[in-house]
C-alpha atoms as a PDB file:
ATOM      1  CA  MET A   1     120.620  96.259 123.638  1.00  0.00           C
ATOM      2  CA  SER A   2     123.519  94.339 125.141  1.00  0.00           C
ATOM      3  CA  GLU A   3     125.642  92.474 122.603  1.00  0.00           C
ATOM      4  CA  MET A   4     125.230  89.445 124.839  1.00  0.00           C
ATOM      5  CA  ASN A   5     121.448  89.481 124.734  1.00  0.00           C
ATOM      6  CA  LYS A   6     120.267  91.192 121.568  1.00  0.00           C
ATOM      7  CA  THR A   7     116.533  90.753 121.322  1.00  0.00           C
ATOM      8  CA  ALA A   8     114.236  91.747 118.441  1.00  0.00           C
ATOM      9  CA  ILE A   9     110.466  91.911 118.159  1.00  0.00           C
ATOM     10  CA  ILE A  10     108.898  91.486 114.735  1.00  0.00           C
ATOM     11  CA  LEU A  11     105.304  92.604 114.167  1.00  0.00           C
ATOM     12  CA  ALA A  12     104.198  90.458 111.208  1.00  0.00           C
ATOM     13  CA  ASN A  13     101.247  91.123 108.958  1.00  0.00           C
ATOM     14  CA  LEU A  14     100.031  89.369 105.843  1.00  0.00           C
ATOM     15  CA  GLY A  15     101.289  91.652 103.109  1.00  0.00           C
ATOM     16  CA  THR A  16     100.415  94.294 100.532  1.00  0.00           C
ATOM     17  CA  PRO A  17     101.461  95.304  97.020  1.00  0.00           C
ATOM     18  CA  ASP A  18     104.351  97.745  96.605  1.00  0.00           C
ATOM     19  CA  GLU A  19     102.159 100.187  94.728  1.00  0.00           C
ATOM     20  CA  PRO A  20      98.556 100.398  93.452  1.00  0.00           C
ATOM     21  CA  THR A  21      99.336  99.220  89.911  1.00  0.00           C
ATOM     22  CA  PRO A  22      98.252  96.054  88.043  1.00  0.00           C
ATOM     23  CA  SER A  23     101.855  94.816  87.799  1.00  0.00           C
ATOM     24  CA  ALA A  24     102.557  95.296  91.502  1.00  0.00           C
ATOM     25  CA  VAL A  25      99.211  93.667  92.459  1.00  0.00           C
ATOM     26  CA  ARG A  26      99.975  90.764  90.098  1.00  0.00           C
ATOM     27  CA  ARG A  27     103.349  90.120  91.773  1.00  0.00           C
ATOM     28  CA  TYR A  28     101.737  90.239  95.225  1.00  0.00           C
ATOM     29  CA  LEU A  29      98.823  87.971  94.304  1.00  0.00           C
ATOM     30  CA  ARG A  30     101.142  85.454  92.620  1.00  0.00           C
ATOM     31  CA  GLU A  31     103.199  85.103  95.803  1.00  0.00           C
ATOM     32  CA  PHE A  32     100.163  85.060  98.092  1.00  0.00           C
ATOM     33  CA  LEU A  33      97.918  82.739  96.151  1.00  0.00           C
ATOM     34  CA  SER A  34     100.702  80.321  95.254  1.00  0.00           C
ATOM     35  CA  ASP A  35     101.173  79.444  98.932  1.00  0.00           C
ATOM     36  CA  GLN A  36      99.666  76.008  99.613  1.00  0.00           C
ATOM     37  CA  ARG A  37      98.643  77.208 103.021  1.00  0.00           C
ATOM     38  CA  VAL A  38      96.358  79.751 101.428  1.00  0.00           C
ATOM     39  CA  VAL A  39      94.944  77.576  98.663  1.00  0.00           C
ATOM     40  CA  GLU A  40      95.301  73.940  99.663  1.00  0.00           C
ATOM     41  CA  GLY A  41      95.562  71.015  97.293  1.00  0.00           C
ATOM     42  CA  LYS A  42      97.966  68.375  96.045  1.00  0.00           C
ATOM     43  CA  GLY A  43      98.506  66.508  92.810  1.00  0.00           C
ATOM     44  CA  PRO A  44      95.947  67.207  90.080  1.00  0.00           C
ATOM     45  CA  ARG A  45      94.068  69.632  92.310  1.00  0.00           C
ATOM     46  CA  ARG A  46      97.224  71.661  92.825  1.00  0.00           C
ATOM     47  CA  LEU A  47      97.994  71.703  89.120  1.00  0.00           C
ATOM     48  CA  LEU A  48      94.442  72.760  88.319  1.00  0.00           C
ATOM     49  CA  TRP A  49      94.615  75.663  90.750  1.00  0.00           C
ATOM     50  CA  LEU A  50      97.988  76.864  89.388  1.00  0.00           C
ATOM     51  CA  ALA A  51      96.526  76.757  85.869  1.00  0.00           C
ATOM     52  CA  VAL A  52      93.469  78.816  86.997  1.00  0.00           C
ATOM     53  CA  LEU A  53      95.716  81.191  88.942  1.00  0.00           C
ATOM     54  CA  ASN A  54      98.072  81.934  86.067  1.00  0.00           C
ATOM     55  CA  SER A  55      95.573  81.900  83.186  1.00  0.00           C
ATOM     56  CA  ILE A  56      92.569  83.584  84.799  1.00  0.00           C
ATOM     57  CA  VAL A  57      93.138  85.120  88.229  1.00  0.00           C
ATOM     58  CA  LEU A  58      96.444  86.831  87.452  1.00  0.00           C
ATOM     59  CA  THR A  59      95.183  87.916  84.056  1.00  0.00           C
ATOM     60  CA  PHE A  60      91.945  89.612  85.043  1.00  0.00           C
ATOM     61  CA  ARG A  61      92.004  90.346  88.785  1.00  0.00           C
ATOM     62  CA  PRO A  62      95.069  92.643  89.154  1.00  0.00           C
ATOM     63  CA  LYS A  63      93.577  95.533  87.183  1.00  0.00           C
ATOM     64  CA  LYS A  64      90.375  95.520  89.281  1.00  0.00           C
ATOM     65  CA  VAL A  65      92.216  95.144  92.567  1.00  0.00           C
ATOM     66  CA  ALA A  66      94.732  97.864  91.633  1.00  0.00           C
ATOM     67  CA  LYS A  67      91.851 100.335  91.199  1.00  0.00           C
ATOM     68  CA  LEU A  68      90.528  99.435  94.657  1.00  0.00           C
ATOM     69  CA  TYR A  69      93.977  99.923  96.186  1.00  0.00           C
ATOM     70  CA  ALA A  70      94.318 103.262  94.381  1.00  0.00           C
ATOM     71  CA  SER A  71      91.113 104.485  96.058  1.00  0.00           C
ATOM     72  CA  ILE A  72      92.604 104.017  99.561  1.00  0.00           C
ATOM     73  CA  TRP A  73      96.335 104.594  98.859  1.00  0.00           C
ATOM     74  CA  GLU A  74      97.927 107.595 100.625  1.00  0.00           C
ATOM     75  CA  GLN A  75     101.647 107.634  99.786  1.00  0.00           C
ATOM     76  CA  ASP A  76     101.748 103.999 100.843  1.00  0.00           C
ATOM     77  CA  SER A  77      99.446 101.029 101.491  1.00  0.00           C
ATOM     78  CA  PRO A  78      97.361 101.566 104.653  1.00  0.00           C
ATOM     79  CA  MET A  79      98.448  98.196 106.030  1.00  0.00           C
ATOM     80  CA  ARG A  80     102.163  98.938 105.683  1.00  0.00           C
ATOM     81  CA  ARG A  81     101.785 102.523 106.958  1.00  0.00           C
ATOM     82  CA  ILE A  82      99.866 101.358 110.025  1.00  0.00           C
ATOM     83  CA  LEU A  83     102.328  98.521 110.635  1.00  0.00           C
ATOM     84  CA  ASP A  84     105.147 101.059 110.684  1.00  0.00           C
ATOM     85  CA  GLU A  85     103.144 103.185 113.162  1.00  0.00           C
ATOM     86  CA  GLN A  86     102.584 100.101 115.347  1.00  0.00           C
ATOM     87  CA  VAL A  87     106.312  99.327 115.304  1.00  0.00           C
ATOM     88  CA  ALA A  88     107.209 102.884 116.304  1.00  0.00           C
ATOM     89  CA  ALA A  89     104.589 103.015 119.054  1.00  0.00           C
ATOM     90  CA  LEU A  90     105.609  99.666 120.516  1.00  0.00           C
ATOM     91  CA  GLN A  91     109.261 100.745 120.469  1.00  0.00           C
ATOM     92  CA  ARG A  92     108.402 103.856 122.469  1.00  0.00           C
ATOM     93  CA  SER A  93     106.332 101.832 124.947  1.00  0.00           C
ATOM     94  CA  LEU A  94     109.079  99.246 125.529  1.00  0.00           C
ATOM     95  CA  SER A  95     111.741 101.949 125.837  1.00  0.00           C
ATOM     96  CA  LEU A  96     109.761 103.440 128.755  1.00  0.00           C
ATOM     97  CA  LYS A  97     109.409 100.059 130.522  1.00  0.00           C
ATOM     98  CA  HIS A  98     112.872  98.514 130.104  1.00  0.00           C
ATOM     99  CA  VAL A  99     116.364  99.662 130.923  1.00  0.00           C
ATOM    100  CA  ASN A 100     117.603  97.822 127.858  1.00  0.00           C
ATOM    101  CA  PRO A 101     114.562  97.497 125.530  1.00  0.00           C
ATOM    102  CA  PRO A 102     114.351  95.129 122.576  1.00  0.00           C
ATOM    103  CA  ASP A 103     114.376  96.516 119.056  1.00  0.00           C
ATOM    104  CA  VAL A 104     111.082  96.387 117.149  1.00  0.00           C
ATOM    105  CA  PHE A 105     110.790  95.683 113.416  1.00  0.00           C
ATOM    106  CA  SER A 106     108.105  95.012 110.821  1.00  0.00           C
ATOM    107  CA  GLY A 107     107.736  92.012 108.552  1.00  0.00           C
ATOM    108  CA  MET A 108     105.288  90.742 105.943  1.00  0.00           C
ATOM    109  CA  THR A 109     104.587  87.129 104.993  1.00  0.00           C
ATOM    110  CA  TYR A 110     104.126  88.276 101.382  1.00  0.00           C
ATOM    111  CA  GLY A 111     105.505  91.458  99.827  1.00  0.00           C
ATOM    112  CA  GLN A 112     107.777  94.001 101.449  1.00  0.00           C
ATOM    113  CA  PRO A 113     109.366  94.071 103.971  1.00  0.00           C
ATOM    114  CA  GLY A 114     109.544  90.294 103.678  1.00  0.00           C
ATOM    115  CA  LEU A 115     109.667  88.220 106.842  1.00  0.00           C
ATOM    116  CA  THR A 116     112.447  85.906 105.674  1.00  0.00           C
ATOM    117  CA  PRO A 117     114.775  88.739 104.540  1.00  0.00           C
ATOM    118  CA  ARG A 118     114.064  90.422 107.902  1.00  0.00           C
ATOM    119  CA  LEU A 119     115.101  87.287 109.793  1.00  0.00           C
ATOM    120  CA  GLN A 120     118.268  87.062 107.704  1.00  0.00           C
ATOM    121  CA  GLU A 121     119.040  90.741 108.398  1.00  0.00           C
ATOM    122  CA  LEU A 122     118.564  90.404 112.158  1.00  0.00           C
ATOM    123  CA  ALA A 123     120.609  87.206 112.359  1.00  0.00           C
ATOM    124  CA  GLY A 124     123.372  88.951 110.467  1.00  0.00           C
ATOM    125  CA  LYS A 125     123.315  91.790 112.972  1.00  0.00           C
ATOM    126  CA  GLY A 126     123.763  89.417 115.897  1.00  0.00           C
ATOM    127  CA  TYR A 127     120.231  89.169 117.315  1.00  0.00           C
ATOM    128  CA  GLN A 128     120.141  85.920 119.336  1.00  0.00           C
ATOM    129  CA  HIS A 129     116.475  86.205 120.401  1.00  0.00           C
ATOM    130  CA  ILE A 130     113.539  87.071 118.122  1.00  0.00           C
ATOM    131  CA  LEU A 131     109.870  87.204 119.090  1.00  0.00           C
ATOM    132  CA  ILE A 132     107.372  87.323 116.248  1.00  0.00           C
ATOM    133  CA  ILE A 133     103.894  88.661 116.973  1.00  0.00           C
ATOM    134  CA  PRO A 134     101.435  87.992 114.096  1.00  0.00           C
ATOM    135  CA  MET A 135      98.928  90.746 113.580  1.00  0.00           C
ATOM    136  CA  TYR A 136      96.173  88.101 113.540  1.00  0.00           C
ATOM    137  CA  PRO A 137      94.698  87.508 117.023  1.00  0.00           C
ATOM    138  CA  GLN A 138      92.954  84.322 115.860  1.00  0.00           C
ATOM    139  CA  TYR A 139      95.148  81.501 114.574  1.00  0.00           C
ATOM    140  CA  SER A 140      94.508  79.995 111.148  1.00  0.00           C
ATOM    141  CA  ALA A 141      96.562  77.684 108.995  1.00  0.00           C
ATOM    142  CA  THR A 142      95.978  80.232 106.203  1.00  0.00           C
ATOM    143  CA  THR A 143      97.541  83.196 108.031  1.00  0.00           C
ATOM    144  CA  THR A 144      99.633  82.342 111.076  1.00  0.00           C
ATOM    145  CA  ALA A 145     100.965  78.980 109.917  1.00  0.00           C
ATOM    146  CA  PRO A 146     102.862  80.503 106.945  1.00  0.00           C
ATOM    147  CA  ILE A 147     104.902  82.441 109.497  1.00  0.00           C
ATOM    148  CA  TYR A 148     105.926  79.165 111.107  1.00  0.00           C
ATOM    149  CA  ASP A 149     106.732  77.776 107.629  1.00  0.00           C
ATOM    150  CA  GLN A 150     109.066  80.694 106.862  1.00  0.00           C
ATOM    151  CA  VAL A 151     110.791  80.454 110.202  1.00  0.00           C
ATOM    152  CA  ALA A 152     111.329  76.704 109.718  1.00  0.00           C
ATOM    153  CA  LYS A 153     112.856  77.235 106.258  1.00  0.00           C
ATOM    154  CA  PHE A 154     115.052  79.999 107.649  1.00  0.00           C
ATOM    155  CA  GLN A 155     116.320  77.832 110.455  1.00  0.00           C
ATOM    156  CA  LEU A 156     116.900  74.866 108.112  1.00  0.00           C
ATOM    157  CA  GLY A 157     119.610  76.857 106.360  1.00  0.00           C
ATOM    158  CA  ARG A 158     121.499  77.741 109.529  1.00  0.00           C
ATOM    159  CA  ARG A 159     124.125  75.769 111.407  1.00  0.00           C
ATOM    160  CA  GLU A 160     123.469  77.700 114.612  1.00  0.00           C
ATOM    161  CA  VAL A 161     119.747  78.402 114.813  1.00  0.00           C
ATOM    162  CA  VAL A 162     118.356  81.624 116.237  1.00  0.00           C
ATOM    163  CA  ASP A 163     116.135  81.436 119.324  1.00  0.00           C
ATOM    164  CA  ILE A 164     112.806  82.368 117.727  1.00  0.00           C
ATOM    165  CA  ARG A 165     109.427  82.373 119.396  1.00  0.00           C
ATOM    166  CA  ILE A 166     106.074  83.007 117.780  1.00  0.00           C
ATOM    167  CA  VAL A 167     102.911  84.184 119.522  1.00  0.00           C
ATOM    168  CA  LYS A 168     100.427  81.636 118.159  1.00  0.00           C
ATOM    169  CA  SER A 169      97.259  83.538 119.042  1.00  0.00           C
ATOM    170  CA  TYR A 170      95.776  86.021 121.479  1.00  0.00           C
ATOM    171  CA  PHE A 171      92.107  85.856 120.536  1.00  0.00           C
ATOM    172  CA  ASN A 172      91.033  85.631 124.172  1.00  0.00           C
ATOM    173  CA  HIS A 173      93.680  87.808 125.792  1.00  0.00           C
ATOM    174  CA  PRO A 174      91.892  90.054 128.362  1.00  0.00           C
ATOM    175  CA  LEU A 175      93.681  93.213 127.158  1.00  0.00           C
ATOM    176  CA  TYR A 176      92.794  92.487 123.536  1.00  0.00           C
ATOM    177  CA  ILE A 177      89.121  92.011 124.437  1.00  0.00           C
ATOM    178  CA  GLN A 178      89.199  95.188 126.546  1.00  0.00           C
ATOM    179  CA  ALA A 179      90.771  97.093 123.646  1.00  0.00           C
ATOM    180  CA  LEU A 180      88.054  95.982 121.252  1.00  0.00           C
ATOM    181  CA  ALA A 181      85.376  96.840 123.829  1.00  0.00           C
ATOM    182  CA  GLY A 182      86.901 100.269 124.292  1.00  0.00           C
ATOM    183  CA  SER A 183      86.821 100.975 120.586  1.00  0.00           C
ATOM    184  CA  VAL A 184      83.131 100.005 120.380  1.00  0.00           C
ATOM    185  CA  ARG A 185      82.260 102.117 123.437  1.00  0.00           C
ATOM    186  CA  GLN A 186      84.173 105.103 122.083  1.00  0.00           C
ATOM    187  CA  HIS A 187      82.314 104.855 118.779  1.00  0.00           C
ATOM    188  CA  ARG A 188      78.940 104.528 120.431  1.00  0.00           C
ATOM    189  CA  GLN A 189      79.494 107.634 122.523  1.00  0.00           C
ATOM    190  CA  VAL A 190      79.659 109.570 119.242  1.00  0.00           C
ATOM    191  CA  SER A 191      77.145 107.505 117.236  1.00  0.00           C
ATOM    192  CA  PRO A 192      74.604 105.878 119.546  1.00  0.00           C
ATOM    193  CA  GLY A 193      71.494 103.954 118.601  1.00  0.00           C
ATOM    194  CA  ALA A 194      72.765 100.872 116.765  1.00  0.00           C
ATOM    195  CA  GLU A 195      70.324  97.978 117.013  1.00  0.00           C
ATOM    196  CA  LYS A 196      73.030  95.339 116.311  1.00  0.00           C
ATOM    197  CA  LEU A 197      76.765  94.932 116.467  1.00  0.00           C
ATOM    198  CA  ILE A 198      78.043  92.802 113.569  1.00  0.00           C
ATOM    199  CA  LEU A 199      81.374  91.103 114.271  1.00  0.00           C
ATOM    200  CA  SER A 200      82.679  90.308 110.846  1.00  0.00           C
ATOM    201  CA  TYR A 201      85.767  88.089 110.433  1.00  0.00           C
ATOM    202  CA  HIS A 202      87.740  87.151 107.344  1.00  0.00           C
ATOM    203  CA  GLY A 203      86.410  83.833 106.120  1.00  0.00           C
ATOM    204  CA  ILE A 204      88.197  80.614 105.230  1.00  0.00           C
ATOM    205  CA  PRO A 205      86.829  77.682 103.140  1.00  0.00           C
ATOM    206  CA  LYS A 206      84.571  75.474 105.249  1.00  0.00           C
ATOM    207  CA  GLU A 207      86.673  72.513 104.144  1.00  0.00           C
ATOM    208  CA  TYR A 208      89.663  73.911 106.065  1.00  0.00           C
ATOM    209  CA  ALA A 209      87.600  74.200 109.236  1.00  0.00           C
ATOM    210  CA  ASP A 210      86.216  70.676 108.751  1.00  0.00           C
ATOM    211  CA  LYS A 211      89.821  69.423 108.607  1.00  0.00           C
ATOM    212  CA  GLY A 212      90.613  70.961 111.975  1.00  0.00           C
ATOM    213  CA  ASP A 213      91.539  74.606 111.528  1.00  0.00           C
ATOM    214  CA  PRO A 214      90.612  76.212 114.913  1.00  0.00           C
ATOM    215  CA  TYR A 215      89.982  79.620 113.414  1.00  0.00           C
ATOM    216  CA  PRO A 216      86.146  79.648 113.510  1.00  0.00           C
ATOM    217  CA  GLN A 217      86.049  78.493 117.141  1.00  0.00           C
ATOM    218  CA  GLN A 218      88.484  81.245 118.095  1.00  0.00           C
ATOM    219  CA  CYS A 219      86.472  83.842 116.228  1.00  0.00           C
ATOM    220  CA  HIS A 220      83.274  82.805 118.029  1.00  0.00           C
ATOM    221  CA  GLU A 221      85.060  82.875 121.378  1.00  0.00           C
ATOM    222  CA  THR A 222      86.333  86.407 120.700  1.00  0.00           C
ATOM    223  CA  SER A 223      82.784  87.463 119.871  1.00  0.00           C
ATOM    224  CA  ARG A 224      81.332  85.875 123.005  1.00  0.00           C
ATOM    225  CA  MET A 225      83.909  87.489 125.218  1.00  0.00           C
ATOM    226  CA  LEU A 226      83.462  90.895 123.613  1.00  0.00           C
ATOM    227  CA  ALA A 227      79.665  90.703 123.853  1.00  0.00           C
ATOM    228  CA  ARG A 228      79.998  89.736 127.567  1.00  0.00           C
ATOM    229  CA  VAL A 229      82.279  92.693 128.334  1.00  0.00           C
ATOM    230  CA  LEU A 230      79.944  95.047 126.443  1.00  0.00           C
ATOM    231  CA  ASP A 231      76.945  93.532 128.266  1.00  0.00           C
ATOM    232  CA  LEU A 232      75.166  92.849 124.977  1.00  0.00           C
ATOM    233  CA  LYS A 233      72.057  90.668 125.027  1.00  0.00           C
ATOM    234  CA  ASP A 234      71.290  87.852 122.570  1.00  0.00           C
ATOM    235  CA  GLY A 235      70.013  89.443 119.380  1.00  0.00           C
ATOM    236  CA  GLU A 236      72.126  92.583 119.839  1.00  0.00           C
ATOM    237  CA  TRP A 237      75.205  91.044 118.229  1.00  0.00           C
ATOM    238  CA  MET A 238      76.082  88.563 115.478  1.00  0.00           C
ATOM    239  CA  THR A 239      79.239  86.836 114.198  1.00  0.00           C
ATOM    240  CA  THR A 240      79.629  86.728 110.399  1.00  0.00           C
ATOM    241  CA  PHE A 241      82.352  85.968 107.857  1.00  0.00           C
ATOM    242  CA  GLN A 242      83.446  88.069 104.870  1.00  0.00           C
ATOM    243  CA  SER A 243      85.565  87.891 101.736  1.00  0.00           C
ATOM    244  CA  ARG A 244      84.770  84.507 100.263  1.00  0.00           C
ATOM    245  CA  PHE A 245      86.564  83.671  97.033  1.00  0.00           C
ATOM    246  CA  GLY A 246      85.689  81.062  94.390  1.00  0.00           C
ATOM    247  CA  PRO A 247      82.795  78.604  94.159  1.00  0.00           C
ATOM    248  CA  ALA A 248      83.497  76.525  97.332  1.00  0.00           C
ATOM    249  CA  GLU A 249      81.486  76.946 100.528  1.00  0.00           C
ATOM    250  CA  TRP A 250      83.141  79.218 103.090  1.00  0.00           C
ATOM    251  CA  LEU A 251      82.416  79.840 106.757  1.00  0.00           C
ATOM    252  CA  GLN A 252      78.883  81.065 107.312  1.00  0.00           C
ATOM    253  CA  PRO A 253      76.900  83.185 107.883  1.00  0.00           C
ATOM    254  CA  TYR A 254      78.261  85.407 105.133  1.00  0.00           C
ATOM    255  CA  THR A 255      78.508  89.089 106.081  1.00  0.00           C
ATOM    256  CA  ASP A 256      76.962  90.545 102.939  1.00  0.00           C
ATOM    257  CA  LYS A 257      74.042  88.090 102.926  1.00  0.00           C
ATOM    258  CA  THR A 258      73.454  88.723 106.611  1.00  0.00           C
ATOM    259  CA  LEU A 259      73.325  92.468 106.049  1.00  0.00           C
ATOM    260  CA  GLU A 260      70.767  92.002 103.286  1.00  0.00           C
ATOM    261  CA  LYS A 261      68.685  89.730 105.501  1.00  0.00           C
ATOM    262  CA  ILE A 262      68.571  91.899 108.597  1.00  0.00           C
ATOM    263  CA  ALA A 263      67.886  95.037 106.589  1.00  0.00           C
ATOM    264  CA  GLY A 264      64.978  93.244 104.950  1.00  0.00           C
ATOM    265  CA  GLU A 265      63.702  92.344 108.397  1.00  0.00           C
ATOM    266  CA  GLY A 266      63.584  96.005 109.388  1.00  0.00           C
ATOM    267  CA  VAL A 267      66.889  96.626 111.127  1.00  0.00           C
ATOM    268  CA  LYS A 268      67.881 100.195 110.314  1.00  0.00           C
ATOM    269  CA  ASN A 269      70.971 101.002 112.358  1.00  0.00           C
ATOM    270  CA  ILE A 270      74.005  98.792 112.777  1.00  0.00           C
ATOM    271  CA  ASP A 271      77.664  98.932 113.799  1.00  0.00           C
ATOM    272  CA  VAL A 272      80.253  96.648 112.177  1.00  0.00           C
ATOM    273  CA  VAL A 273      83.634  95.731 113.686  1.00  0.00           C
ATOM    274  CA  CYS A 274      86.306  93.385 112.308  1.00  0.00           C
ATOM    275  CA  PRO A 275      88.104  91.780 115.293  1.00  0.00           C
ATOM    276  CA  ALA A 276      90.407  89.622 113.106  1.00  0.00           C
ATOM    277  CA  PHE A 277      92.075  92.769 111.739  1.00  0.00           C
ATOM    278  CA  THR A 278      94.514  94.785 113.865  1.00  0.00           C
ATOM    279  CA  ALA A 279      95.211  97.175 110.984  1.00  0.00           C
ATOM    280  CA  ASP A 280      92.859  98.673 108.468  1.00  0.00           C
ATOM    281  CA  CYS A 281      93.523  97.523 104.905  1.00  0.00           C
ATOM    282  CA  LEU A 282      91.822  97.092 101.562  1.00  0.00           C
ATOM    283  CA  GLU A 283      89.433  94.556 102.988  1.00  0.00           C
ATOM    284  CA  THR A 284      88.154  96.702 105.805  1.00  0.00           C
ATOM    285  CA  LEU A 285      88.366 100.111 104.161  1.00  0.00           C
ATOM    286  CA  GLU A 286      86.839  99.118 100.817  1.00  0.00           C
ATOM    287  CA  GLU A 287      84.868  95.878 101.203  1.00  0.00           C
ATOM    288  CA  ILE A 288      83.514  96.375 104.708  1.00  0.00           C
ATOM    289  CA  ALA A 289      83.317 100.158 104.997  1.00  0.00           C
ATOM    290  CA  GLU A 290      82.064 100.834 101.463  1.00  0.00           C
ATOM    291  CA  GLU A 291      80.748  97.780  99.588  1.00  0.00           C
ATOM    292  CA  ASN A 292      78.848  96.260 102.501  1.00  0.00           C
ATOM    293  CA  LYS A 293      77.445  99.646 103.420  1.00  0.00           C
ATOM    294  CA  GLU A 294      75.887  99.783  99.967  1.00  0.00           C
ATOM    295  CA  VAL A 295      74.559  96.236 100.438  1.00  0.00           C
ATOM    296  CA  PHE A 296      72.877  97.186 103.706  1.00  0.00           C
ATOM    297  CA  GLU A 297      71.433 100.475 102.482  1.00  0.00           C
ATOM    298  CA  SER A 298      70.202  98.952  99.217  1.00  0.00           C
ATOM    299  CA  ALA A 299      68.245  96.383 101.231  1.00  0.00           C
ATOM    300  CA  GLY A 300      66.573  99.038 103.323  1.00  0.00           C
ATOM    301  CA  GLY A 301      69.071  99.838 106.044  1.00  0.00           C
ATOM    302  CA  GLU A 302      69.604 103.493 106.951  1.00  0.00           C
ATOM    303  CA  HIS A 303      72.628 103.848 109.296  1.00  0.00           C
ATOM    304  CA  TYR A 304      75.725 101.739 108.768  1.00  0.00           C
ATOM    305  CA  HIS A 305      78.860 102.445 110.790  1.00  0.00           C
ATOM    306  CA  TYR A 306      82.211 100.710 110.375  1.00  0.00           C
ATOM    307  CA  ILE A 307      84.292 100.843 113.591  1.00  0.00           C
ATOM    308  CA  PRO A 308      87.960 101.127 112.580  1.00  0.00           C
ATOM    309  CA  ALA A 309      90.523  98.485 113.483  1.00  0.00           C
ATOM    310  CA  LEU A 310      92.652  99.040 116.591  1.00  0.00           C
ATOM    311  CA  ASN A 311      95.556 100.185 114.419  1.00  0.00           C
ATOM    312  CA  SER A 312      98.144 102.032 116.509  1.00  0.00           C
ATOM    313  CA  ALA A 313      95.808 103.075 119.308  1.00  0.00           C
ATOM    314  CA  GLY A 314      97.359 103.052 122.767  1.00  0.00           C
ATOM    315  CA  CYS A 315      95.083 100.254 123.930  1.00  0.00           C
ATOM    316  CA  PHE A 316      96.402  97.920 121.225  1.00  0.00           C
ATOM    317  CA  ILE A 317     100.013  98.886 121.863  1.00  0.00           C
ATOM    318  CA  ASN A 318      99.344  97.853 125.470  1.00  0.00           C
ATOM    319  CA  VAL A 319      98.262  94.445 124.175  1.00  0.00           C
ATOM    320  CA  LEU A 320     101.463  94.087 122.190  1.00  0.00           C
ATOM    321  CA  SER A 321     103.584  95.238 125.100  1.00  0.00           C
ATOM    322  CA  ALA A 322     101.934  92.662 127.365  1.00  0.00           C
ATOM    323  CA  LEU A 323     102.579  89.931 124.800  1.00  0.00           C
ATOM    324  CA  VAL A 324     106.219  90.932 124.701  1.00  0.00           C
ATOM    325  CA  ASN A 325     106.509  90.731 128.472  1.00  0.00           C
ATOM    326  CA  GLU A 326     104.631  87.428 128.646  1.00  0.00           C
ATOM    327  CA  GLN A 327     106.491  85.722 125.792  1.00  0.00           C
ATOM    328  CA  ALA A 328     109.975  87.266 126.032  1.00  0.00           C
ATOM    329  CA  GLY A 329     110.149  88.419 129.631  1.00  0.00           C
ATOM    330  CA  ASP A 330     112.972  86.038 130.475  1.00  0.00           C
ATOM    331  CA  TRP A 331     115.107  87.434 127.644  1.00  0.00           C
ATOM    332  CA  LEU A 332     114.385  91.040 128.676  1.00  0.00           C
ATOM    333  CA  SER A 333     115.002  90.514 132.411  1.00  0.00           C
ATOM    334  CA  LYS A 334     118.411  89.010 131.694  1.00  0.00           C
ATOM    335  CA  SER A 335     119.215  91.908 129.386  1.00  0.00           C
ATOM    336  CA  ASP A 336     118.132  94.508 131.922  1.00  0.00           C
ATOM    337  CA  LEU A 337     120.072  92.790 134.686  1.00  0.00           C
ATOM    338  CA  HIS A 338     123.186  92.696 132.502  1.00  0.00           C
ATOM    339  CA  ASN A 339     122.817  96.375 131.761  1.00  0.00           C
ATOM    340  CA  GLU A 340     122.275  97.312 135.410  1.00  0.00           C
ATOM    341  CA  ALA A 341     125.324  95.292 136.433  1.00  0.00           C
ATOM    342  CA  SER A 342     127.438  97.128 133.885  1.00  0.00           C
ATOM    343  CA  HIS A 343     126.270 100.497 135.204  1.00  0.00           C
ATOM    344  CA  GLY A 344     126.909  99.309 138.780  1.00  0.00           C
ATOM    345  CA  ALA A 345     130.463  98.410 137.917  1.00  0.00           C
END
């Protein structure tokens, strides 16, 4: 990359513990659940949550969660391993398309490699342009907004700010929809016969949506577009929400309750896909692929198939490459032109 136009791409995901141990999980959960974007509240409500977090959640939950992580851990966390694969694949793709390609890095909002340290590192190495692509296609104040918060805090400490752009969402990007559709079609060539496609998204408290978080609308739009591309009829697909936490009402219908209901109504064969996840992680590999399978089969279902996340598949790397060109094309064209001029001289 030209020293005059050093450009970096950061693929940013939520985060993961450093290792599958109670102490590592406790550190991760403390950072994650202390973020006011994740668990909202001010004044007494905030103090109450922090008391619950430190006295109950961080006391009892890490041991249980660590066991779940241990069941899917292969040398590293699946999320971090897949993120590294996505970074490497995107780097290869951009290197084939640009004379002077940008450099691609990983970053995590919580845990390692941390997003803020990554920004500090890149600024120190002279990168003037940074594009951050969240690994969440649908925007939520609980996931994407913390990236904006960290960027704002990073810039606040600098006299000369770095030119940083963030892809806010791509829930309706045609290539993203086509990638999801391709993964469903590929699965159904091997395992045909599903009566329904369940599109299960990570939930958020209903209160957040009522206050204006656009996440549920974007999830439903992704589902509608995917169903249209797959030519699914009404009744052949459903949108649900998983992973509620605490006593408050979350977005409905709940995935586990829906699986119980449709199995009880006689549905025997279903496919489940999680369009809000671009990398498989504890939530998809354990909760969706294992726990919810047991829920469905215990209620009378017979064939439950989880369709893996897009991960580092070529179709998803094409989505990321397109986002780079759309959001940072002006930076890259200037860099390529500068490089070509140098060779011409």
